[in-house]
Amino acid sequence: MHRAKLMVPLAKRKAKEQLELEYKSKSGNPLARMEELQIDLSIREARLLNCFHEG
């Protein structure tokens, strides 16, 4: 259980870094894109937390 708690921040950081890379590589409306990324990140975080709670 303790190990899972340590993994969450790491996984969040990795997801955030990945999203930032994707953001930098794509053009378009930056503000709209940022909102999409925030929503995507929230969904990923929720999924990660669910995985840790279930497992």
PDB file of N, CA and C in Angstrom:
ATOM      1  N   MET A   1       0.833  -1.202   0.000  1.00  0.00           N
ATOM      2  CA  MET A   1       0.000   0.000   0.000  1.00  0.00           C
ATOM      3  C   MET A   1       0.866   1.249   0.000  1.00  0.00           C
ATOM      4  N   HIS A   2       1.907   1.233   0.845  1.00  0.00           N
ATOM      5  CA  HIS A   2       2.778   2.400   0.939  1.00  0.00           C
ATOM      6  C   HIS A   2       3.445   2.703  -0.410  1.00  0.00           C
ATOM      7  N   ARG A   3       3.858   1.657  -1.092  1.00  0.00           N
ATOM      8  CA  ARG A   3       4.517   1.808  -2.389  1.00  0.00           C
ATOM      9  C   ARG A   3       3.574   2.460  -3.401  1.00  0.00           C
ATOM     10  N   ALA A   4       2.321   2.064  -3.386  1.00  0.00           N
ATOM     11  CA  ALA A   4       1.340   2.633  -4.313  1.00  0.00           C
ATOM     12  C   ALA A   4       1.205   4.137  -4.090  1.00  0.00           C
ATOM     13  N   LYS A   5       1.232   4.567  -2.842  1.00  0.00           N
ATOM     14  CA  LYS A   5       1.119   6.004  -2.552  1.00  0.00           C
ATOM     15  C   LYS A   5       2.308   6.769  -3.124  1.00  0.00           C
ATOM     16  N   LEU A   6       3.468   6.162  -3.116  1.00  0.00           N
ATOM     17  CA  LEU A   6       4.648   6.816  -3.675  1.00  0.00           C
ATOM     18  C   LEU A   6       4.578   6.893  -5.198  1.00  0.00           C
ATOM     19  N   MET A   7       3.907   5.926  -5.812  1.00  0.00           N
ATOM     20  CA  MET A   7       3.836   5.861  -7.266  1.00  0.00           C
ATOM     21  C   MET A   7       2.923   6.929  -7.864  1.00  0.00           C
ATOM     22  N   VAL A   8       1.889   7.349  -7.120  1.00  0.00           N
ATOM     23  CA  VAL A   8       0.918   8.291  -7.669  1.00  0.00           C
ATOM     24  C   VAL A   8       1.558   9.618  -8.093  1.00  0.00           C
ATOM     25  N   PRO A   9       2.347  10.281  -7.213  1.00  0.00           N
ATOM     26  CA  PRO A   9       2.951  11.547  -7.644  1.00  0.00           C
ATOM     27  C   PRO A   9       3.887  11.373  -8.842  1.00  0.00           C
ATOM     28  N   LEU A  10       4.628  10.279  -8.854  1.00  0.00           N
ATOM     29  CA  LEU A  10       5.534  10.011  -9.965  1.00  0.00           C
ATOM     30  C   LEU A  10       4.747   9.847 -11.262  1.00  0.00           C
ATOM     31  N   ALA A  11       3.688   9.070 -11.204  1.00  0.00           N
ATOM     32  CA  ALA A  11       2.856   8.839 -12.382  1.00  0.00           C
ATOM     33  C   ALA A  11       2.205  10.142 -12.846  1.00  0.00           C
ATOM     34  N   LYS A  12       1.777  10.954 -11.900  1.00  0.00           N
ATOM     35  CA  LYS A  12       1.172  12.254 -12.245  1.00  0.00           C
ATOM     36  C   LYS A  12       2.191  13.129 -12.964  1.00  0.00           C
ATOM     37  N   ARG A  13       3.421  13.143 -12.436  1.00  0.00           N
ATOM     38  CA  ARG A  13       4.459  13.975 -13.034  1.00  0.00           C
ATOM     39  C   ARG A  13       4.778  13.501 -14.449  1.00  0.00           C
ATOM     40  N   LYS A  14       4.871  12.186 -14.620  1.00  0.00           N
ATOM     41  CA  LYS A  14       5.145  11.626 -15.946  1.00  0.00           C
ATOM     42  C   LYS A  14       4.039  11.996 -16.935  1.00  0.00           C
ATOM     43  N   ALA A  15       2.792  11.880 -16.496  1.00  0.00           N
ATOM     44  CA  ALA A  15       1.657  12.217 -17.362  1.00  0.00           C
ATOM     45  C   ALA A  15       1.714  13.695 -17.736  1.00  0.00           C
ATOM     46  N   LYS A  16       2.055  14.532 -16.770  1.00  0.00           N
ATOM     47  CA  LYS A  16       2.135  15.972 -17.014  1.00  0.00           C
ATOM     48  C   LYS A  16       3.248  16.287 -18.018  1.00  0.00           C
ATOM     49  N   GLU A  17       4.401  15.651 -17.843  1.00  0.00           N
ATOM     50  CA  GLU A  17       5.509  15.866 -18.768  1.00  0.00           C
ATOM     51  C   GLU A  17       5.122  15.448 -20.183  1.00  0.00           C
ATOM     52  N   GLN A  18       4.431  14.316 -20.285  1.00  0.00           N
ATOM     53  CA  GLN A  18       4.000  13.818 -21.589  1.00  0.00           C
ATOM     54  C   GLN A  18       3.045  14.815 -22.247  1.00  0.00           C
ATOM     55  N   LEU A  19       2.120  15.344 -21.460  1.00  0.00           N
ATOM     56  CA  LEU A  19       1.154  16.303 -21.993  1.00  0.00           C
ATOM     57  C   LEU A  19       1.853  17.585 -22.440  1.00  0.00           C
ATOM     58  N   GLU A  20       2.858  18.010 -21.682  1.00  0.00           N
ATOM     59  CA  GLU A  20       3.583  19.216 -22.061  1.00  0.00           C
ATOM     60  C   GLU A  20       4.324  19.007 -23.380  1.00  0.00           C
ATOM     61  N   LEU A  21       4.892  17.820 -23.564  1.00  0.00           N
ATOM     62  CA  LEU A  21       5.561  17.507 -24.829  1.00  0.00           C
ATOM     63  C   LEU A  21       4.563  17.539 -25.987  1.00  0.00           C
ATOM     64  N   GLU A  22       3.399  16.922 -25.767  1.00  0.00           N
ATOM     65  CA  GLU A  22       2.368  16.908 -26.794  1.00  0.00           C
ATOM     66  C   GLU A  22       1.929  18.332 -27.115  1.00  0.00           C
ATOM     67  N   TYR A  23       1.792  19.154 -26.078  1.00  0.00           N
ATOM     68  CA  TYR A  23       1.369  20.542 -26.265  1.00  0.00           C
ATOM     69  C   TYR A  23       2.381  21.304 -27.118  1.00  0.00           C
ATOM     70  N   LYS A  24       3.669  21.115 -26.819  1.00  0.00           N
ATOM     71  CA  LYS A  24       4.718  21.829 -27.544  1.00  0.00           C
ATOM     72  C   LYS A  24       4.788  21.374 -29.004  1.00  0.00           C
ATOM     73  N   SER A  25       4.452  20.111 -29.254  1.00  0.00           N
ATOM     74  CA  SER A  25       4.592  19.585 -30.605  1.00  0.00           C
ATOM     75  C   SER A  25       3.405  19.927 -31.507  1.00  0.00           C
ATOM     76  N   LYS A  26       2.305  20.378 -30.917  1.00  0.00           N
ATOM     77  CA  LYS A  26       1.118  20.684 -31.727  1.00  0.00           C
ATOM     78  C   LYS A  26       0.879  22.180 -31.768  1.00  0.00           C
ATOM     79  N   SER A  27       0.363  22.645 -32.897  1.00  0.00           N
ATOM     80  CA  SER A  27       0.004  24.053 -32.990  1.00  0.00           C
ATOM     81  C   SER A  27      -1.511  24.159 -32.928  1.00  0.00           C
ATOM     82  N   GLY A  28      -2.003  25.381 -33.093  1.00  0.00           N
ATOM     83  CA  GLY A  28      -3.446  25.576 -32.997  1.00  0.00           C
ATOM     84  C   GLY A  28      -3.719  26.645 -31.967  1.00  0.00           C
ATOM     85  N   ASN A  29      -4.925  26.675 -31.475  1.00  0.00           N
ATOM     86  CA  ASN A  29      -5.291  27.664 -30.467  1.00  0.00           C
ATOM     87  C   ASN A  29      -4.713  27.238 -29.117  1.00  0.00           C
ATOM     88  N   PRO A  30      -3.682  27.944 -28.624  1.00  0.00           N
ATOM     89  CA  PRO A  30      -3.004  27.507 -27.395  1.00  0.00           C
ATOM     90  C   PRO A  30      -3.924  27.425 -26.179  1.00  0.00           C
ATOM     91  N   LEU A  31      -4.825  28.388 -26.022  1.00  0.00           N
ATOM     92  CA  LEU A  31      -5.697  28.360 -24.839  1.00  0.00           C
ATOM     93  C   LEU A  31      -6.658  27.187 -24.877  1.00  0.00           C
ATOM     94  N   ALA A  32      -7.253  26.938 -26.024  1.00  0.00           N
ATOM     95  CA  ALA A  32      -8.171  25.809 -26.152  1.00  0.00           C
ATOM     96  C   ALA A  32      -7.409  24.509 -25.924  1.00  0.00           C
ATOM     97  N   ARG A  33      -6.195  24.450 -26.479  1.00  0.00           N
ATOM     98  CA  ARG A  33      -5.370  23.254 -26.335  1.00  0.00           C
ATOM     99  C   ARG A  33      -5.029  23.020 -24.855  1.00  0.00           C
ATOM    100  N   MET A  34      -4.689  24.082 -24.135  1.00  0.00           N
ATOM    101  CA  MET A  34      -4.353  23.963 -22.717  1.00  0.00           C
ATOM    102  C   MET A  34      -5.543  23.411 -21.938  1.00  0.00           C
ATOM    103  N   GLU A  35      -6.738  23.894 -22.256  1.00  0.00           N
ATOM    104  CA  GLU A  35      -7.933  23.400 -21.568  1.00  0.00           C
ATOM    105  C   GLU A  35      -8.128  21.914 -21.839  1.00  0.00           C
ATOM    106  N   GLU A  36      -7.933  21.520 -23.091  1.00  0.00           N
ATOM    107  CA  GLU A  36      -8.047  20.092 -23.436  1.00  0.00           C
ATOM    108  C   GLU A  36      -7.056  19.270 -22.615  1.00  0.00           C
ATOM    109  N   LEU A  37      -5.835  19.774 -22.497  1.00  0.00           N
ATOM    110  CA  LEU A  37      -4.806  19.044 -21.763  1.00  0.00           C
ATOM    111  C   LEU A  37      -5.156  18.940 -20.284  1.00  0.00           C
ATOM    112  N   GLN A  38      -5.708  20.018 -19.721  1.00  0.00           N
ATOM    113  CA  GLN A  38      -6.092  19.986 -18.310  1.00  0.00           C
ATOM    114  C   GLN A  38      -7.171  18.935 -18.075  1.00  0.00           C
ATOM    115  N   ILE A  39      -8.147  18.871 -18.971  1.00  0.00           N
ATOM    116  CA  ILE A  39      -9.224  17.891 -18.860  1.00  0.00           C
ATOM    117  C   ILE A  39      -8.645  16.484 -18.991  1.00  0.00           C
ATOM    118  N   ASP A  40      -7.778  16.313 -19.992  1.00  0.00           N
ATOM    119  CA  ASP A  40      -7.144  15.010 -20.221  1.00  0.00           C
ATOM    120  C   ASP A  40      -6.352  14.580 -18.985  1.00  0.00           C
ATOM    121  N   LEU A  41      -5.611  15.523 -18.407  1.00  0.00           N
ATOM    122  CA  LEU A  41      -4.803  15.217 -17.224  1.00  0.00           C
ATOM    123  C   LEU A  41      -5.700  14.817 -16.057  1.00  0.00           C
ATOM    124  N   SER A  42      -6.815  15.509 -15.886  1.00  0.00           N
ATOM    125  CA  SER A  42      -7.745  15.169 -14.803  1.00  0.00           C
ATOM    126  C   SER A  42      -8.283  13.755 -14.972  1.00  0.00           C
ATOM    127  N   ILE A  43      -8.612  13.402 -16.208  1.00  0.00           N
ATOM    128  CA  ILE A  43      -9.124  12.061 -16.493  1.00  0.00           C
ATOM    129  C   ILE A  43      -8.051  11.017 -16.185  1.00  0.00           C
ATOM    130  N   ARG A  44      -6.827  11.294 -16.630  1.00  0.00           N
ATOM    131  CA  ARG A  44      -5.731  10.344 -16.377  1.00  0.00           C
ATOM    132  C   ARG A  44      -5.481  10.178 -14.885  1.00  0.00           C
ATOM    133  N   GLU A  45      -5.515  11.293 -14.141  1.00  0.00           N
ATOM    134  CA  GLU A  45      -5.304  11.222 -12.695  1.00  0.00           C
ATOM    135  C   GLU A  45      -6.382  10.377 -12.040  1.00  0.00           C
ATOM    136  N   ALA A  46      -7.634  10.583 -12.451  1.00  0.00           N
ATOM    137  CA  ALA A  46      -8.742   9.826 -11.882  1.00  0.00           C
ATOM    138  C   ALA A  46      -8.559   8.329 -12.152  1.00  0.00           C
ATOM    139  N   ARG A  47      -8.143   8.003 -13.379  1.00  0.00           N
ATOM    140  CA  ARG A  47      -7.915   6.598 -13.729  1.00  0.00           C
ATOM    141  C   ARG A  47      -6.791   6.004 -12.890  1.00  0.00           C
ATOM    142  N   LEU A  48      -5.713   6.772 -12.721  1.00  0.00           N
ATOM    143  CA  LEU A  48      -4.586   6.296 -11.918  1.00  0.00           C
ATOM    144  C   LEU A  48      -5.021   6.019 -10.487  1.00  0.00           C
ATOM    145  N   LEU A  49      -5.749   6.961  -9.918  1.00  0.00           N
ATOM    146  CA  LEU A  49      -6.193   6.795  -8.534  1.00  0.00           C
ATOM    147  C   LEU A  49      -7.113   5.591  -8.412  1.00  0.00           C
ATOM    148  N   ASN A  50      -7.992   5.393  -9.380  1.00  0.00           N
ATOM    149  CA  ASN A  50      -8.883   4.231  -9.368  1.00  0.00           C
ATOM    150  C   ASN A  50      -8.079   2.942  -9.410  1.00  0.00           C
ATOM    151  N   CYS A  51      -7.051   2.910 -10.241  1.00  0.00           N
ATOM    152  CA  CYS A  51      -6.204   1.709 -10.341  1.00  0.00           C
ATOM    153  C   CYS A  51      -5.586   1.390  -8.985  1.00  0.00           C
ATOM    154  N   PHE A  52      -5.081   2.415  -8.309  1.00  0.00           N
ATOM    155  CA  PHE A  52      -4.422   2.175  -7.033  1.00  0.00           C
ATOM    156  C   PHE A  52      -5.415   1.771  -5.953  1.00  0.00           C
ATOM    157  N   HIS A  53      -6.614   2.351  -5.985  1.00  0.00           N
ATOM    158  CA  HIS A  53      -7.620   1.989  -4.981  1.00  0.00           C
ATOM    159  C   HIS A  53      -8.121   0.561  -5.179  1.00  0.00           C
ATOM    160  N   GLU A  54      -8.319   0.183  -6.440  1.00  0.00           N
ATOM    161  CA  GLU A  54      -8.826  -1.160  -6.736  1.00  0.00           C
ATOM    162  C   GLU A  54      -7.760  -2.220  -6.520  1.00  0.00           C
ATOM    163  N   GLY A  55      -6.533  -1.898  -6.920  1.00  0.00           N
ATOM    164  CA  GLY A  55      -5.451  -2.867  -6.847  1.00  0.00           C
ATOM    165  C   GLY A  55      -4.839  -2.878  -5.485  1.00  0.00           C
TER     166      GLY A  55
END
